[in-house]
Amino acid sequence: MNEICIVVADAKVARFFGIEAADSPRERLKLVEQAPLTNVIDLEVLGKSVTGRVRTETNTNRGAGPVHPIGAQRERHRIELERRFGREIVSRTTEIIDGWPAGTVVLVAEPRMLGLVREPLRKAMQPGMALKELAKNYTQLTAAELHDHLAVNSLVPARRAGAQ
């Protein structure tokens, strides 16, 4: 069987899995998680003041001119932070698959993160490798639940003999 690397990511966390033979007689394969990667900046706190209130652009000085909305600037900043995290995901995935002559990378990510990671990951992969994608956020699933979801979508072999 070819080497398989499974990457499950959203804007906050990326989890990396490999597939190994299971010790149980009921299951033939299992997912084994490697060290996760977390985004060091909590995106939910972004845009809040020290007191926890949402920052506003209130301008009470008429001489200062019109108030420019900074919401769009925050969104661009958030996207840039996600793009940087996407580069870290690609870097870690490249470390995992380094030296594989052939194999498969299964990328499961929320749609925006999938868009940010897809092309850099394709460019970093060896020519004999395949990239399979699924636009879902499965970061909260256990390894067994994730394996079942991926097997139903025909992205990885089933963990039980005779199962779909």
C-alpha atoms as a PDB file:
ATOM      1  CA  MET A   1       0.000   0.000   0.000  1.00  0.00           C
ATOM      2  CA  ASN A   2       1.244   3.496  -0.816  1.00  0.00           C
ATOM      3  CA  GLU A   3       2.093   5.951   1.907  1.00  0.00           C
ATOM      4  CA  ILE A   4      -0.854   8.108   2.968  1.00  0.00           C
ATOM      5  CA  CYS A   5      -0.660  11.425   4.805  1.00  0.00           C
ATOM      6  CA  ILE A   6      -3.939  12.904   6.031  1.00  0.00           C
ATOM      7  CA  VAL A   7      -4.092  16.606   6.859  1.00  0.00           C
ATOM      8  CA  VAL A   8      -7.199  17.928   8.621  1.00  0.00           C
ATOM      9  CA  ALA A   9      -7.213  21.691   9.112  1.00  0.00           C
ATOM     10  CA  ASP A  10      -9.140  24.843   9.834  1.00  0.00           C
ATOM     11  CA  ALA A  11      -7.942  28.376  10.702  1.00  0.00           C
ATOM     12  CA  LYS A  12      -7.009  27.378  14.274  1.00  0.00           C
ATOM     13  CA  VAL A  13      -5.538  23.875  14.147  1.00  0.00           C
ATOM     14  CA  ALA A  14      -4.029  21.373  11.719  1.00  0.00           C
ATOM     15  CA  ARG A  15      -3.921  17.674  12.562  1.00  0.00           C
ATOM     16  CA  PHE A  16      -1.713  15.185  10.728  1.00  0.00           C
ATOM     17  CA  PHE A  17      -2.420  11.465  10.478  1.00  0.00           C
ATOM     18  CA  GLY A  18      -0.854   8.368   9.021  1.00  0.00           C
ATOM     19  CA  ILE A  19      -2.419   4.948   8.455  1.00  0.00           C
ATOM     20  CA  GLU A  20      -1.024   1.871  10.179  1.00  0.00           C
ATOM     21  CA  ALA A  21      -2.076  -1.740  10.607  1.00  0.00           C
ATOM     22  CA  ALA A  22      -4.330  -2.180  13.645  1.00  0.00           C
ATOM     23  CA  ASP A  23      -3.657  -4.646  16.464  1.00  0.00           C
ATOM     24  CA  SER A  24      -7.337  -5.520  16.819  1.00  0.00           C
ATOM     25  CA  PRO A  25      -8.820  -8.538  15.006  1.00  0.00           C
ATOM     26  CA  ARG A  26     -11.967  -6.483  14.245  1.00  0.00           C
ATOM     27  CA  GLU A  27     -10.069  -3.680  12.528  1.00  0.00           C
ATOM     28  CA  ARG A  28      -7.313  -3.971   9.968  1.00  0.00           C
ATOM     29  CA  LEU A  29      -6.255  -0.304   9.750  1.00  0.00           C
ATOM     30  CA  LYS A  30      -6.165   2.680  12.096  1.00  0.00           C
ATOM     31  CA  LEU A  31      -5.294   6.347  11.894  1.00  0.00           C
ATOM     32  CA  VAL A  32      -2.328   7.454  13.975  1.00  0.00           C
ATOM     33  CA  GLU A  33      -2.121  11.137  14.825  1.00  0.00           C
ATOM     34  CA  GLN A  34       1.149  12.992  14.833  1.00  0.00           C
ATOM     35  CA  ALA A  35       1.797  16.240  16.674  1.00  0.00           C
ATOM     36  CA  PRO A  36      -0.840  18.845  15.767  1.00  0.00           C
ATOM     37  CA  LEU A  37      -0.043  22.330  14.609  1.00  0.00           C
ATOM     38  CA  THR A  38      -1.909  25.232  16.189  1.00  0.00           C
ATOM     39  CA  ASN A  39      -2.258  28.778  14.971  1.00  0.00           C
ATOM     40  CA  VAL A  40      -0.506  30.914  17.569  1.00  0.00           C
ATOM     41  CA  ILE A  41      -2.929  33.811  17.118  1.00  0.00           C
ATOM     42  CA  ASP A  42      -6.461  33.188  18.314  1.00  0.00           C
ATOM     43  CA  LEU A  43      -8.532  34.610  15.475  1.00  0.00           C
ATOM     44  CA  GLU A  44     -11.617  35.002  17.654  1.00  0.00           C
ATOM     45  CA  VAL A  45      -9.839  37.447  19.965  1.00  0.00           C
ATOM     46  CA  LEU A  46      -8.590  39.431  16.987  1.00  0.00           C
ATOM     47  CA  GLY A  47     -10.428  42.732  16.788  1.00  0.00           C
ATOM     48  CA  LYS A  48     -11.249  42.992  20.488  1.00  0.00           C
ATOM     49  CA  SER A  49      -9.758  45.413  22.944  1.00  0.00           C
ATOM     50  CA  VAL A  50      -7.978  44.493  26.143  1.00  0.00           C
ATOM     51  CA  THR A  51     -11.274  44.695  28.037  1.00  0.00           C
ATOM     52  CA  GLY A  52     -12.905  42.207  25.671  1.00  0.00           C
ATOM     53  CA  ARG A  53     -15.166  44.743  23.985  1.00  0.00           C
ATOM     54  CA  VAL A  54     -15.205  45.012  20.229  1.00  0.00           C
ATOM     55  CA  ARG A  55     -13.066  47.879  19.032  1.00  0.00           C
ATOM     56  CA  THR A  56     -14.936  50.736  17.390  1.00  0.00           C
ATOM     57  CA  GLU A  57     -13.879  53.469  15.066  1.00  0.00           C
ATOM     58  CA  THR A  58     -15.766  56.234  16.864  1.00  0.00           C
ATOM     59  CA  ASN A  59     -14.505  59.687  16.038  1.00  0.00           C
ATOM     60  CA  THR A  60     -16.001  62.573  17.991  1.00  0.00           C
ATOM     61  CA  ASN A  61     -13.610  65.198  16.664  1.00  0.00           C
ATOM     62  CA  ARG A  62     -15.215  66.940  13.676  1.00  0.00           C
ATOM     63  CA  GLY A  63     -11.905  68.411  12.615  1.00  0.00           C
ATOM     64  CA  ALA A  64     -10.362  64.964  12.190  1.00  0.00           C
ATOM     65  CA  GLY A  65     -12.414  64.273   9.084  1.00  0.00           C
ATOM     66  CA  PRO A  66     -14.546  61.283   8.168  1.00  0.00           C
ATOM     67  CA  VAL A  67     -14.124  57.960   9.903  1.00  0.00           C
ATOM     68  CA  HIS A  68     -12.757  55.241   7.700  1.00  0.00           C
ATOM     69  CA  PRO A  69     -14.098  51.777   8.430  1.00  0.00           C
ATOM     70  CA  ILE A  70     -11.419  49.383   9.566  1.00  0.00           C
ATOM     71  CA  GLY A  71     -13.539  46.241   9.331  1.00  0.00           C
ATOM     72  CA  ALA A  72     -12.211  45.485   5.840  1.00  0.00           C
ATOM     73  CA  GLN A  73      -8.652  46.008   7.062  1.00  0.00           C
ATOM     74  CA  ARG A  74      -9.249  43.518   9.891  1.00  0.00           C
ATOM     75  CA  GLU A  75     -10.585  40.982   7.401  1.00  0.00           C
ATOM     76  CA  ARG A  76      -7.473  41.381   5.228  1.00  0.00           C
ATOM     77  CA  HIS A  77      -5.327  40.952   8.340  1.00  0.00           C
ATOM     78  CA  ARG A  78      -7.265  37.797   9.295  1.00  0.00           C
ATOM     79  CA  ILE A  79      -6.800  36.353   5.807  1.00  0.00           C
ATOM     80  CA  GLU A  80      -3.064  37.110   5.937  1.00  0.00           C
ATOM     81  CA  LEU A  81      -2.791  35.300   9.279  1.00  0.00           C
ATOM     82  CA  GLU A  82      -4.636  32.310   7.792  1.00  0.00           C
ATOM     83  CA  ARG A  83      -2.338  32.389   4.738  1.00  0.00           C
ATOM     84  CA  ARG A  84       0.724  32.265   7.018  1.00  0.00           C
ATOM     85  CA  PHE A  85      -0.775  29.354   8.931  1.00  0.00           C
ATOM     86  CA  GLY A  86      -1.446  27.672   5.580  1.00  0.00           C
ATOM     87  CA  ARG A  87       2.251  27.977   4.726  1.00  0.00           C
ATOM     88  CA  GLU A  88       3.110  26.313   8.053  1.00  0.00           C
ATOM     89  CA  ILE A  89       0.703  23.476   7.199  1.00  0.00           C
ATOM     90  CA  VAL A  90       2.367  23.010   3.800  1.00  0.00           C
ATOM     91  CA  SER A  91       5.806  23.057   5.424  1.00  0.00           C
ATOM     92  CA  ARG A  92       4.868  20.394   7.998  1.00  0.00           C
ATOM     93  CA  THR A  93       3.207  18.226   5.338  1.00  0.00           C
ATOM     94  CA  THR A  94       6.298  18.495   3.160  1.00  0.00           C
ATOM     95  CA  GLU A  95       8.455  17.335   6.090  1.00  0.00           C
ATOM     96  CA  ILE A  96       6.192  14.294   6.553  1.00  0.00           C
ATOM     97  CA  ILE A  97       6.158  13.230   2.890  1.00  0.00           C
ATOM     98  CA  ASP A  98       9.817  14.030   2.215  1.00  0.00           C
ATOM     99  CA  GLY A  99      11.447  11.016   0.626  1.00  0.00           C
ATOM    100  CA  TRP A 100       8.243   9.301  -0.457  1.00  0.00           C
ATOM    101  CA  PRO A 101       8.605   8.274  -4.116  1.00  0.00           C
ATOM    102  CA  ALA A 102       4.835   7.826  -4.390  1.00  0.00           C
ATOM    103  CA  GLY A 103       1.855   8.173  -2.134  1.00  0.00           C
ATOM    104  CA  THR A 104      -1.228  10.198  -1.386  1.00  0.00           C
ATOM    105  CA  VAL A 105      -1.899  13.334   0.585  1.00  0.00           C
ATOM    106  CA  VAL A 106      -5.500  13.645   1.722  1.00  0.00           C
ATOM    107  CA  LEU A 107      -6.291  17.284   2.476  1.00  0.00           C
ATOM    108  CA  VAL A 108      -9.471  17.860   4.486  1.00  0.00           C
ATOM    109  CA  ALA A 109     -10.026  21.504   5.352  1.00  0.00           C
ATOM    110  CA  GLU A 110     -12.679  24.155   5.652  1.00  0.00           C
ATOM    111  CA  PRO A 111     -13.214  25.737   2.217  1.00  0.00           C
ATOM    112  CA  ARG A 112     -11.170  28.919   2.746  1.00  0.00           C
ATOM    113  CA  MET A 113      -8.219  27.033   4.233  1.00  0.00           C
ATOM    114  CA  LEU A 114      -8.451  24.460   1.442  1.00  0.00           C
ATOM    115  CA  GLY A 115      -8.121  27.276  -1.076  1.00  0.00           C
ATOM    116  CA  LEU A 116      -5.101  28.708   0.720  1.00  0.00           C
ATOM    117  CA  VAL A 117      -3.246  25.386   1.052  1.00  0.00           C
ATOM    118  CA  ARG A 118      -4.127  23.544  -2.174  1.00  0.00           C
ATOM    119  CA  GLU A 119      -1.746  25.119  -4.705  1.00  0.00           C
ATOM    120  CA  PRO A 120       1.332  25.505  -2.477  1.00  0.00           C
ATOM    121  CA  LEU A 121       0.929  21.873  -1.419  1.00  0.00           C
ATOM    122  CA  ARG A 122       0.638  20.683  -5.029  1.00  0.00           C
ATOM    123  CA  LYS A 123       3.824  22.545  -5.906  1.00  0.00           C
ATOM    124  CA  ALA A 124       5.681  21.018  -2.932  1.00  0.00           C
ATOM    125  CA  MET A 125       4.684  17.416  -3.736  1.00  0.00           C
ATOM    126  CA  GLN A 126       6.753  15.003  -5.832  1.00  0.00           C
ATOM    127  CA  PRO A 127       5.431  14.298  -9.355  1.00  0.00           C
ATOM    128  CA  GLY A 128       4.415  10.697  -8.506  1.00  0.00           C
ATOM    129  CA  MET A 129       2.199  11.725  -5.589  1.00  0.00           C
ATOM    130  CA  ALA A 130      -1.572  12.264  -5.589  1.00  0.00           C
ATOM    131  CA  LEU A 131      -3.558  14.939  -3.784  1.00  0.00           C
ATOM    132  CA  LYS A 132      -7.126  14.176  -2.709  1.00  0.00           C
ATOM    133  CA  GLU A 133      -9.278  16.957  -1.268  1.00  0.00           C
ATOM    134  CA  LEU A 134     -12.422  17.302   0.807  1.00  0.00           C
ATOM    135  CA  ALA A 135     -13.898  20.691   1.754  1.00  0.00           C
ATOM    136  CA  LYS A 136     -15.114  19.872   5.277  1.00  0.00           C
ATOM    137  CA  ASN A 137     -14.128  20.900   8.770  1.00  0.00           C
ATOM    138  CA  TYR A 138     -13.386  17.603  10.524  1.00  0.00           C
ATOM    139  CA  THR A 139     -10.859  18.942  13.049  1.00  0.00           C
ATOM    140  CA  GLN A 140     -13.087  18.037  16.019  1.00  0.00           C
ATOM    141  CA  LEU A 141     -13.536  14.355  15.073  1.00  0.00           C
ATOM    142  CA  THR A 142     -11.751  11.491  16.781  1.00  0.00           C
ATOM    143  CA  ALA A 143      -9.332   9.421  14.707  1.00  0.00           C
ATOM    144  CA  ALA A 144     -11.867   6.580  14.310  1.00  0.00           C
ATOM    145  CA  GLU A 145     -14.689   8.950  13.295  1.00  0.00           C
ATOM    146  CA  LEU A 146     -12.400  10.704  10.839  1.00  0.00           C
ATOM    147  CA  HIS A 147     -11.313   7.372   9.352  1.00  0.00           C
ATOM    148  CA  ASP A 148     -14.950   6.348   8.843  1.00  0.00           C
ATOM    149  CA  HIS A 149     -15.856   9.669   7.175  1.00  0.00           C
ATOM    150  CA  LEU A 150     -12.870   9.483   4.848  1.00  0.00           C
ATOM    151  CA  ALA A 151     -13.581   5.847   3.967  1.00  0.00           C
ATOM    152  CA  VAL A 152     -17.204   6.685   3.079  1.00  0.00           C
ATOM    153  CA  ASN A 153     -15.875   9.376   0.714  1.00  0.00           C
ATOM    154  CA  SER A 154     -13.413   6.822  -0.787  1.00  0.00           C
ATOM    155  CA  LEU A 155     -10.387   8.857   0.245  1.00  0.00           C
ATOM    156  CA  VAL A 156      -8.752   6.133   2.387  1.00  0.00           C
ATOM    157  CA  PRO A 157      -9.224   2.364   2.765  1.00  0.00           C
ATOM    158  CA  ALA A 158     -11.847   1.272   5.318  1.00  0.00           C
ATOM    159  CA  ARG A 159     -10.585   0.317   8.758  1.00  0.00           C
ATOM    160  CA  ARG A 160     -12.624  -2.877   8.984  1.00  0.00           C
ATOM    161  CA  ALA A 161     -12.368  -5.751   6.561  1.00  0.00           C
ATOM    162  CA  GLY A 162     -15.462  -5.868   4.375  1.00  0.00           C
ATOM    163  CA  ALA A 163     -16.603  -2.356   5.349  1.00  0.00           C
ATOM    164  CA  GLN A 164     -17.166   0.353   2.753  1.00  0.00           C
END
